[in-house]
Amino acid sequence: MSTLTRQRVLVIEDDPNVSEVVAAYLEREGCLVQRCDDGEAGLAAALADPPDLVVLDLMLPGLDGLEVCRRLQALAPVPMVMLTAKGDETDRIVGLELGADDYISKPFSPRELVARVKAVLRRANAPLDPVLAGTATLAAGPVELDVAAHEARRDGEVLPLTAREFELLVHLVRHPRRAFRREELLERVWGTRYGDTSTVTVHVRRLREKVEADPSAPVHLVTVWGVGYRWEP
């Protein structure tokens, strides 16, 4: 049985050809697909009955994809894969910073999109790591993580982390002083080996803004030049 069987996916895409192809491939994998062709209708549908995942085109008439992403992640966060124009790096990075899980650039292979959707849902539906299941909190320097509550605090203040930022932080804190390549973090935290490592870079930058006293001179979430990143307690 496909890992996508009975998963509810909302496709928000104004190009009927793209929307139809995406829906066809997802339905072939067992998804229950709902389609909307503009941002306002898509946002309303997602808020009325939150799906398991949203496939969101950034170039939409009226309410654009970034605004849909911003409002949806603030009101009813759900896993999200963005569809972006090739070379549209600025919007892609903003979307990732707003909490999208992954992106795929047009034109794309429908099979690759299905693989990305599977990876995002697999991670979203994964049970709590058994190593963490009995862990009340993880402490590292000024940061304290309540794993069960999915909450992080710095010097007693709750940090406004997205789900992916929290998972990335937990992974790094669990392995203090171990340097991880971006590709490793993409596989272990995002659950895919085929994504763009810039996704990791964006999330690390966002984390630094929230956990470091001076994000421009990080002392905990440090860069290991030529390798990737590590957590210094």
C-alpha atoms as a PDB file:
ATOM      1  CA  MET A   1       0.000   0.000   0.000  1.00  0.00           C
ATOM      2  CA  SER A   2       1.292   3.455  -0.905  1.00  0.00           C
ATOM      3  CA  THR A   3       2.420   5.715   1.916  1.00  0.00           C
ATOM      4  CA  LEU A   4       0.028   8.297   0.464  1.00  0.00           C
ATOM      5  CA  THR A   5      -3.128   6.178   0.677  1.00  0.00           C
ATOM      6  CA  ARG A   6      -6.007   8.218   2.137  1.00  0.00           C
ATOM      7  CA  GLN A   7      -3.771  11.236   2.737  1.00  0.00           C
ATOM      8  CA  ARG A   8      -5.702  14.439   2.043  1.00  0.00           C
ATOM      9  CA  VAL A   9      -3.820  16.874  -0.182  1.00  0.00           C
ATOM     10  CA  LEU A  10      -4.976  20.349  -1.167  1.00  0.00           C
ATOM     11  CA  VAL A  11      -3.515  21.590  -4.466  1.00  0.00           C
ATOM     12  CA  ILE A  12      -3.621  25.390  -4.868  1.00  0.00           C
ATOM     13  CA  GLU A  13      -2.586  26.077  -8.471  1.00  0.00           C
ATOM     14  CA  ASP A  14      -4.114  28.401 -11.061  1.00  0.00           C
ATOM     15  CA  ASP A  15      -2.750  26.605 -14.140  1.00  0.00           C
ATOM     16  CA  PRO A  16      -5.377  23.936 -14.874  1.00  0.00           C
ATOM     17  CA  ASN A  17      -2.908  21.752 -16.775  1.00  0.00           C
ATOM     18  CA  VAL A  18      -0.410  21.677 -13.900  1.00  0.00           C
ATOM     19  CA  SER A  19      -3.171  21.211 -11.342  1.00  0.00           C
ATOM     20  CA  GLU A  20      -4.674  18.311 -13.272  1.00  0.00           C
ATOM     21  CA  VAL A  21      -1.360  16.512 -13.694  1.00  0.00           C
ATOM     22  CA  VAL A  22      -0.390  16.963 -10.027  1.00  0.00           C
ATOM     23  CA  ALA A  23      -3.804  15.715  -8.886  1.00  0.00           C
ATOM     24  CA  ALA A  24      -3.680  12.723 -11.238  1.00  0.00           C
ATOM     25  CA  TYR A  25      -0.301  11.545  -9.987  1.00  0.00           C
ATOM     26  CA  LEU A  26      -1.220  12.023  -6.330  1.00  0.00           C
ATOM     27  CA  GLU A  27      -4.553  10.245  -6.776  1.00  0.00           C
ATOM     28  CA  ARG A  28      -2.719   7.371  -8.451  1.00  0.00           C
ATOM     29  CA  GLU A  29      -0.799   7.007  -5.180  1.00  0.00           C
ATOM     30  CA  GLY A  30      -4.020   6.893  -3.195  1.00  0.00           C
ATOM     31  CA  CYS A  31      -4.333  10.533  -2.136  1.00  0.00           C
ATOM     32  CA  LEU A  32      -7.647  12.292  -1.733  1.00  0.00           C
ATOM     33  CA  VAL A  33      -7.043  15.498  -3.680  1.00  0.00           C
ATOM     34  CA  GLN A  34      -8.911  18.791  -3.519  1.00  0.00           C
ATOM     35  CA  ARG A  35      -8.048  21.503  -6.058  1.00  0.00           C
ATOM     36  CA  CYS A  36      -8.382  25.287  -5.843  1.00  0.00           C
ATOM     37  CA  ASP A  37      -7.318  27.729  -8.547  1.00  0.00           C
ATOM     38  CA  ASP A  38      -6.749  30.914  -6.539  1.00  0.00           C
ATOM     39  CA  GLY A  39      -5.214  31.913  -3.230  1.00  0.00           C
ATOM     40  CA  GLU A  40      -8.330  33.083  -1.409  1.00  0.00           C
ATOM     41  CA  ALA A  41     -10.280  29.926  -2.227  1.00  0.00           C
ATOM     42  CA  GLY A  42      -7.314  27.755  -1.299  1.00  0.00           C
ATOM     43  CA  LEU A  43      -6.784  29.486   2.034  1.00  0.00           C
ATOM     44  CA  ALA A  44     -10.489  29.241   2.860  1.00  0.00           C
ATOM     45  CA  ALA A  45     -10.523  25.520   2.008  1.00  0.00           C
ATOM     46  CA  ALA A  46      -7.429  24.828   4.109  1.00  0.00           C
ATOM     47  CA  LEU A  47      -8.806  26.692   7.128  1.00  0.00           C
ATOM     48  CA  ALA A  48     -12.258  25.133   6.862  1.00  0.00           C
ATOM     49  CA  ASP A  49     -10.900  21.573   6.860  1.00  0.00           C
ATOM     50  CA  PRO A  50      -7.103  21.405   7.231  1.00  0.00           C
ATOM     51  CA  PRO A  51      -5.605  18.809   4.865  1.00  0.00           C
ATOM     52  CA  ASP A  52      -2.638  16.545   5.577  1.00  0.00           C
ATOM     53  CA  LEU A  53      -0.527  18.557   3.127  1.00  0.00           C
ATOM     54  CA  VAL A  54      -0.782  21.553   0.792  1.00  0.00           C
ATOM     55  CA  VAL A  55       0.853  21.795  -2.625  1.00  0.00           C
ATOM     56  CA  LEU A  56       1.025  25.557  -3.157  1.00  0.00           C
ATOM     57  CA  ASP A  57       1.942  27.535  -6.254  1.00  0.00           C
ATOM     58  CA  LEU A  58       3.567  30.839  -5.343  1.00  0.00           C
ATOM     59  CA  MET A  59       2.355  32.688  -8.447  1.00  0.00           C
ATOM     60  CA  LEU A  60      -1.389  32.953  -7.858  1.00  0.00           C
ATOM     61  CA  PRO A  61      -3.953  35.580  -8.892  1.00  0.00           C
ATOM     62  CA  GLY A  62      -5.278  37.804  -6.123  1.00  0.00           C
ATOM     63  CA  LEU A  63      -3.850  36.464  -2.884  1.00  0.00           C
ATOM     64  CA  ASP A  64      -0.388  35.236  -3.827  1.00  0.00           C
ATOM     65  CA  GLY A  65       1.215  32.041  -2.599  1.00  0.00           C
ATOM     66  CA  LEU A  66       3.503  33.702  -0.071  1.00  0.00           C
ATOM     67  CA  GLU A  67       0.568  35.403   1.627  1.00  0.00           C
ATOM     68  CA  VAL A  68      -1.382  32.143   1.624  1.00  0.00           C
ATOM     69  CA  CYS A  69       1.625  30.445   3.209  1.00  0.00           C
ATOM     70  CA  ARG A  70       2.028  33.219   5.803  1.00  0.00           C
ATOM     71  CA  ARG A  71      -1.623  33.155   6.873  1.00  0.00           C
ATOM     72  CA  LEU A  72      -1.961  29.403   6.815  1.00  0.00           C
ATOM     73  CA  GLN A  73       1.148  28.764   8.898  1.00  0.00           C
ATOM     74  CA  ALA A  74      -0.020  31.373  11.423  1.00  0.00           C
ATOM     75  CA  LEU A  75      -3.578  30.024  11.740  1.00  0.00           C
ATOM     76  CA  ALA A  76      -3.484  26.310  10.919  1.00  0.00           C
ATOM     77  CA  PRO A  77       0.058  25.066  10.211  1.00  0.00           C
ATOM     78  CA  VAL A  78       0.155  22.084   7.853  1.00  0.00           C
ATOM     79  CA  PRO A  79       2.972  20.443   5.878  1.00  0.00           C
ATOM     80  CA  MET A  80       3.545  22.327   2.650  1.00  0.00           C
ATOM     81  CA  VAL A  81       5.370  21.846  -0.648  1.00  0.00           C
ATOM     82  CA  MET A  82       5.748  24.994  -2.767  1.00  0.00           C
ATOM     83  CA  LEU A  83       5.751  25.177  -6.552  1.00  0.00           C
ATOM     84  CA  THR A  84       8.065  27.947  -7.729  1.00  0.00           C
ATOM     85  CA  ALA A  85       9.220  29.409 -11.021  1.00  0.00           C
ATOM     86  CA  LYS A  86      12.702  28.309 -12.038  1.00  0.00           C
ATOM     87  CA  GLY A  87      15.278  30.773 -10.711  1.00  0.00           C
ATOM     88  CA  ASP A  88      12.765  32.504  -8.412  1.00  0.00           C
ATOM     89  CA  GLU A  89      15.158  32.212  -5.476  1.00  0.00           C
ATOM     90  CA  THR A  90      13.964  35.165  -3.391  1.00  0.00           C
ATOM     91  CA  ASP A  91      10.365  33.966  -3.146  1.00  0.00           C
ATOM     92  CA  ARG A  92      11.562  30.424  -2.536  1.00  0.00           C
ATOM     93  CA  ILE A  93      13.686  31.494   0.419  1.00  0.00           C
ATOM     94  CA  VAL A  94      10.886  33.649   1.836  1.00  0.00           C
ATOM     95  CA  GLY A  95       8.510  30.684   1.556  1.00  0.00           C
ATOM     96  CA  LEU A  96      10.919  28.446   3.447  1.00  0.00           C
ATOM     97  CA  GLU A  97      11.344  31.116   6.098  1.00  0.00           C
ATOM     98  CA  LEU A  98       7.563  31.316   6.471  1.00  0.00           C
ATOM     99  CA  GLY A  99       7.460  27.612   7.300  1.00  0.00           C
ATOM    100  CA  ALA A 100       7.083  25.707   4.022  1.00  0.00           C
ATOM    101  CA  ASP A 101       8.707  22.272   4.210  1.00  0.00           C
ATOM    102  CA  ASP A 102      10.048  21.929   0.685  1.00  0.00           C
ATOM    103  CA  TYR A 103       9.802  23.342  -2.808  1.00  0.00           C
ATOM    104  CA  ILE A 104      10.068  22.139  -6.374  1.00  0.00           C
ATOM    105  CA  SER A 105      10.811  24.362  -9.362  1.00  0.00           C
ATOM    106  CA  LYS A 106       8.767  24.440 -12.536  1.00  0.00           C
ATOM    107  CA  PRO A 107       8.976  22.703 -14.906  1.00  0.00           C
ATOM    108  CA  PHE A 108       9.161  19.583 -12.757  1.00  0.00           C
ATOM    109  CA  SER A 109       8.740  15.859 -13.013  1.00  0.00           C
ATOM    110  CA  PRO A 110       5.424  14.746 -11.472  1.00  0.00           C
ATOM    111  CA  ARG A 111       7.254  11.706 -10.100  1.00  0.00           C
ATOM    112  CA  GLU A 112       9.711  13.975  -8.309  1.00  0.00           C
ATOM    113  CA  LEU A 113       6.829  15.962  -6.844  1.00  0.00           C
ATOM    114  CA  VAL A 114       5.241  12.745  -5.571  1.00  0.00           C
ATOM    115  CA  ALA A 115       8.589  11.772  -3.998  1.00  0.00           C
ATOM    116  CA  ARG A 116       8.832  15.164  -2.265  1.00  0.00           C
ATOM    117  CA  VAL A 117       5.249  14.906  -1.005  1.00  0.00           C
ATOM    118  CA  LYS A 118       5.930  11.394   0.333  1.00  0.00           C
ATOM    119  CA  ALA A 119       9.055  12.583   2.135  1.00  0.00           C
ATOM    120  CA  VAL A 120       7.303  15.538   3.775  1.00  0.00           C
ATOM    121  CA  LEU A 121       4.325  13.432   4.894  1.00  0.00           C
ATOM    122  CA  ARG A 122       6.563  10.628   6.116  1.00  0.00           C
ATOM    123  CA  ARG A 123       8.385  13.076   8.331  1.00  0.00           C
ATOM    124  CA  ALA A 124       5.171  14.766   9.499  1.00  0.00           C
ATOM    125  CA  ASN A 125       3.585  11.426  10.414  1.00  0.00           C
ATOM    126  CA  ALA A 126       6.659   9.822  11.934  1.00  0.00           C
ATOM    127  CA  PRO A 127       6.275   8.673  15.543  1.00  0.00           C
ATOM    128  CA  LEU A 128       8.370  10.357  18.177  1.00  0.00           C
ATOM    129  CA  ASP A 129      11.952   9.122  18.155  1.00  0.00           C
ATOM    130  CA  PRO A 130      12.079   6.325  20.780  1.00  0.00           C
ATOM    131  CA  VAL A 131      15.260   7.871  22.147  1.00  0.00           C
ATOM    132  CA  LEU A 132      13.240  10.993  22.937  1.00  0.00           C
ATOM    133  CA  ALA A 133       9.990   9.327  23.959  1.00  0.00           C
ATOM    134  CA  GLY A 134      10.893   9.266  27.650  1.00  0.00           C
ATOM    135  CA  THR A 135      12.728  12.581  27.580  1.00  0.00           C
ATOM    136  CA  ALA A 136      10.991  15.432  29.360  1.00  0.00           C
ATOM    137  CA  THR A 137      13.465  18.118  28.331  1.00  0.00           C
ATOM    138  CA  LEU A 138      16.759  18.624  26.572  1.00  0.00           C
ATOM    139  CA  ALA A 139      19.013  21.388  27.827  1.00  0.00           C
ATOM    140  CA  ALA A 140      21.899  22.938  25.944  1.00  0.00           C
ATOM    141  CA  GLY A 141      23.386  26.240  27.022  1.00  0.00           C
ATOM    142  CA  PRO A 142      20.646  28.877  27.233  1.00  0.00           C
ATOM    143  CA  VAL A 143      18.161  26.703  25.310  1.00  0.00           C
ATOM    144  CA  GLU A 144      15.722  24.233  26.873  1.00  0.00           C
ATOM    145  CA  LEU A 145      13.606  21.955  24.698  1.00  0.00           C
ATOM    146  CA  ASP A 146      10.372  20.345  25.871  1.00  0.00           C
ATOM    147  CA  VAL A 147      10.164  17.526  23.344  1.00  0.00           C
ATOM    148  CA  ALA A 148       6.679  16.290  24.210  1.00  0.00           C
ATOM    149  CA  ALA A 149       5.203  19.798  24.147  1.00  0.00           C
ATOM    150  CA  HIS A 150       7.187  20.755  21.023  1.00  0.00           C
ATOM    151  CA  GLU A 151       8.298  23.915  22.807  1.00  0.00           C
ATOM    152  CA  ALA A 152      11.650  25.649  23.050  1.00  0.00           C
ATOM    153  CA  ARG A 153      12.737  28.299  25.534  1.00  0.00           C
ATOM    154  CA  ARG A 154      15.756  30.551  25.668  1.00  0.00           C
ATOM    155  CA  ASP A 155      16.526  32.028  29.074  1.00  0.00           C
ATOM    156  CA  GLY A 156      12.940  31.191  30.043  1.00  0.00           C
ATOM    157  CA  GLU A 157      11.335  32.875  27.021  1.00  0.00           C
ATOM    158  CA  VAL A 158       9.322  30.754  24.571  1.00  0.00           C
ATOM    159  CA  LEU A 159      10.865  30.763  21.100  1.00  0.00           C
ATOM    160  CA  PRO A 160       8.515  31.111  18.087  1.00  0.00           C
ATOM    161  CA  LEU A 161       9.888  28.109  16.185  1.00  0.00           C
ATOM    162  CA  THR A 162       8.228  26.429  13.241  1.00  0.00           C
ATOM    163  CA  ALA A 163       7.817  22.651  13.430  1.00  0.00           C
ATOM    164  CA  ARG A 164      10.803  22.123  11.118  1.00  0.00           C
ATOM    165  CA  GLU A 165      13.009  24.560  13.041  1.00  0.00           C
ATOM    166  CA  PHE A 166      12.181  22.714  16.254  1.00  0.00           C
ATOM    167  CA  GLU A 167      13.024  19.324  14.728  1.00  0.00           C
ATOM    168  CA  LEU A 168      16.305  20.640  13.357  1.00  0.00           C
ATOM    169  CA  LEU A 169      17.226  22.125  16.731  1.00  0.00           C
ATOM    170  CA  VAL A 170      16.364  18.893  18.571  1.00  0.00           C
ATOM    171  CA  HIS A 171      18.507  16.883  16.172  1.00  0.00           C
ATOM    172  CA  LEU A 172      21.527  19.153  16.604  1.00  0.00           C
ATOM    173  CA  VAL A 173      21.153  19.436  20.387  1.00  0.00           C
ATOM    174  CA  ARG A 174      20.924  15.647  20.675  1.00  0.00           C
ATOM    175  CA  HIS A 175      24.354  15.403  19.026  1.00  0.00           C
ATOM    176  CA  PRO A 176      26.425  18.174  20.635  1.00  0.00           C
ATOM    177  CA  ARG A 177      29.715  19.049  18.933  1.00  0.00           C
ATOM    178  CA  ARG A 178      29.017  16.696  16.045  1.00  0.00           C
ATOM    179  CA  ALA A 179      29.363  18.357  12.653  1.00  0.00           C
ATOM    180  CA  PHE A 180      26.627  17.509  10.141  1.00  0.00           C
ATOM    181  CA  ARG A 181      26.788  18.082   6.418  1.00  0.00           C
ATOM    182  CA  ARG A 182      23.783  19.859   4.925  1.00  0.00           C
ATOM    183  CA  GLU A 183      22.948  16.712   2.977  1.00  0.00           C
ATOM    184  CA  GLU A 184      22.867  14.706   6.217  1.00  0.00           C
ATOM    185  CA  LEU A 185      20.541  17.196   7.880  1.00  0.00           C
ATOM    186  CA  LEU A 186      18.282  17.215   4.828  1.00  0.00           C
ATOM    187  CA  GLU A 187      17.965  13.438   5.032  1.00  0.00           C
ATOM    188  CA  ARG A 188      17.632  13.134   8.812  1.00  0.00           C
ATOM    189  CA  VAL A 189      15.365  16.108   9.508  1.00  0.00           C
ATOM    190  CA  TRP A 190      13.494  16.528   6.215  1.00  0.00           C
ATOM    191  CA  GLY A 191      13.456  12.827   5.362  1.00  0.00           C
ATOM    192  CA  THR A 192      14.723  13.246   1.813  1.00  0.00           C
ATOM    193  CA  ARG A 193      17.999  12.904  -0.062  1.00  0.00           C
ATOM    194  CA  TYR A 194      16.768  14.797  -3.097  1.00  0.00           C
ATOM    195  CA  GLY A 195      15.982  18.260  -1.791  1.00  0.00           C
ATOM    196  CA  ASP A 196      17.974  21.464  -2.155  1.00  0.00           C
ATOM    197  CA  THR A 197      20.487  22.021   0.649  1.00  0.00           C
ATOM    198  CA  SER A 198      19.636  25.744   0.596  1.00  0.00           C
ATOM    199  CA  THR A 199      16.557  24.644   2.554  1.00  0.00           C
ATOM    200  CA  VAL A 200      18.873  23.705   5.429  1.00  0.00           C
ATOM    201  CA  THR A 201      20.825  26.947   5.118  1.00  0.00           C
ATOM    202  CA  VAL A 202      17.648  29.033   5.373  1.00  0.00           C
ATOM    203  CA  HIS A 203      16.427  27.155   8.446  1.00  0.00           C
ATOM    204  CA  VAL A 204      19.810  27.444  10.180  1.00  0.00           C
ATOM    205  CA  ARG A 205      19.799  31.203   9.576  1.00  0.00           C
ATOM    206  CA  ARG A 206      16.286  31.465  11.005  1.00  0.00           C
ATOM    207  CA  LEU A 207      17.236  29.376  14.029  1.00  0.00           C
ATOM    208  CA  ARG A 208      20.219  31.576  14.743  1.00  0.00           C
ATOM    209  CA  GLU A 209      17.968  34.626  14.793  1.00  0.00           C
ATOM    210  CA  LYS A 210      15.938  32.959  17.519  1.00  0.00           C
ATOM    211  CA  VAL A 211      18.458  31.087  19.678  1.00  0.00           C
ATOM    212  CA  GLU A 212      21.604  33.225  19.483  1.00  0.00           C
ATOM    213  CA  ALA A 213      22.204  36.404  21.465  1.00  0.00           C
ATOM    214  CA  ASP A 214      24.050  37.767  18.418  1.00  0.00           C
ATOM    215  CA  PRO A 215      23.026  35.891  15.242  1.00  0.00           C
ATOM    216  CA  SER A 216      25.878  37.513  13.302  1.00  0.00           C
ATOM    217  CA  ALA A 217      28.388  35.904  15.681  1.00  0.00           C
ATOM    218  CA  PRO A 218      26.827  32.570  16.678  1.00  0.00           C
ATOM    219  CA  VAL A 219      28.359  30.668  19.588  1.00  0.00           C
ATOM    220  CA  HIS A 220      25.957  27.702  19.741  1.00  0.00           C
ATOM    221  CA  LEU A 221      24.750  26.951  16.203  1.00  0.00           C
ATOM    222  CA  VAL A 222      28.102  27.284  14.500  1.00  0.00           C
ATOM    223  CA  THR A 223      29.292  26.779  10.944  1.00  0.00           C
ATOM    224  CA  VAL A 224      31.971  24.181  10.325  1.00  0.00           C
ATOM    225  CA  TRP A 225      33.570  25.503   7.160  1.00  0.00           C
ATOM    226  CA  GLY A 226      33.702  22.982   4.360  1.00  0.00           C
ATOM    227  CA  VAL A 227      31.393  20.629   6.276  1.00  0.00           C
ATOM    228  CA  GLY A 228      28.151  22.094   7.609  1.00  0.00           C
ATOM    229  CA  TYR A 229      26.902  22.889  11.115  1.00  0.00           C
ATOM    230  CA  ARG A 230      27.209  21.720  14.704  1.00  0.00           C
ATOM    231  CA  TRP A 231      25.717  22.593  18.082  1.00  0.00           C
ATOM    232  CA  GLU A 232      28.025  23.930  20.793  1.00  0.00           C
ATOM    233  CA  PRO A 233      26.482  23.583  24.288  1.00  0.00           C
END
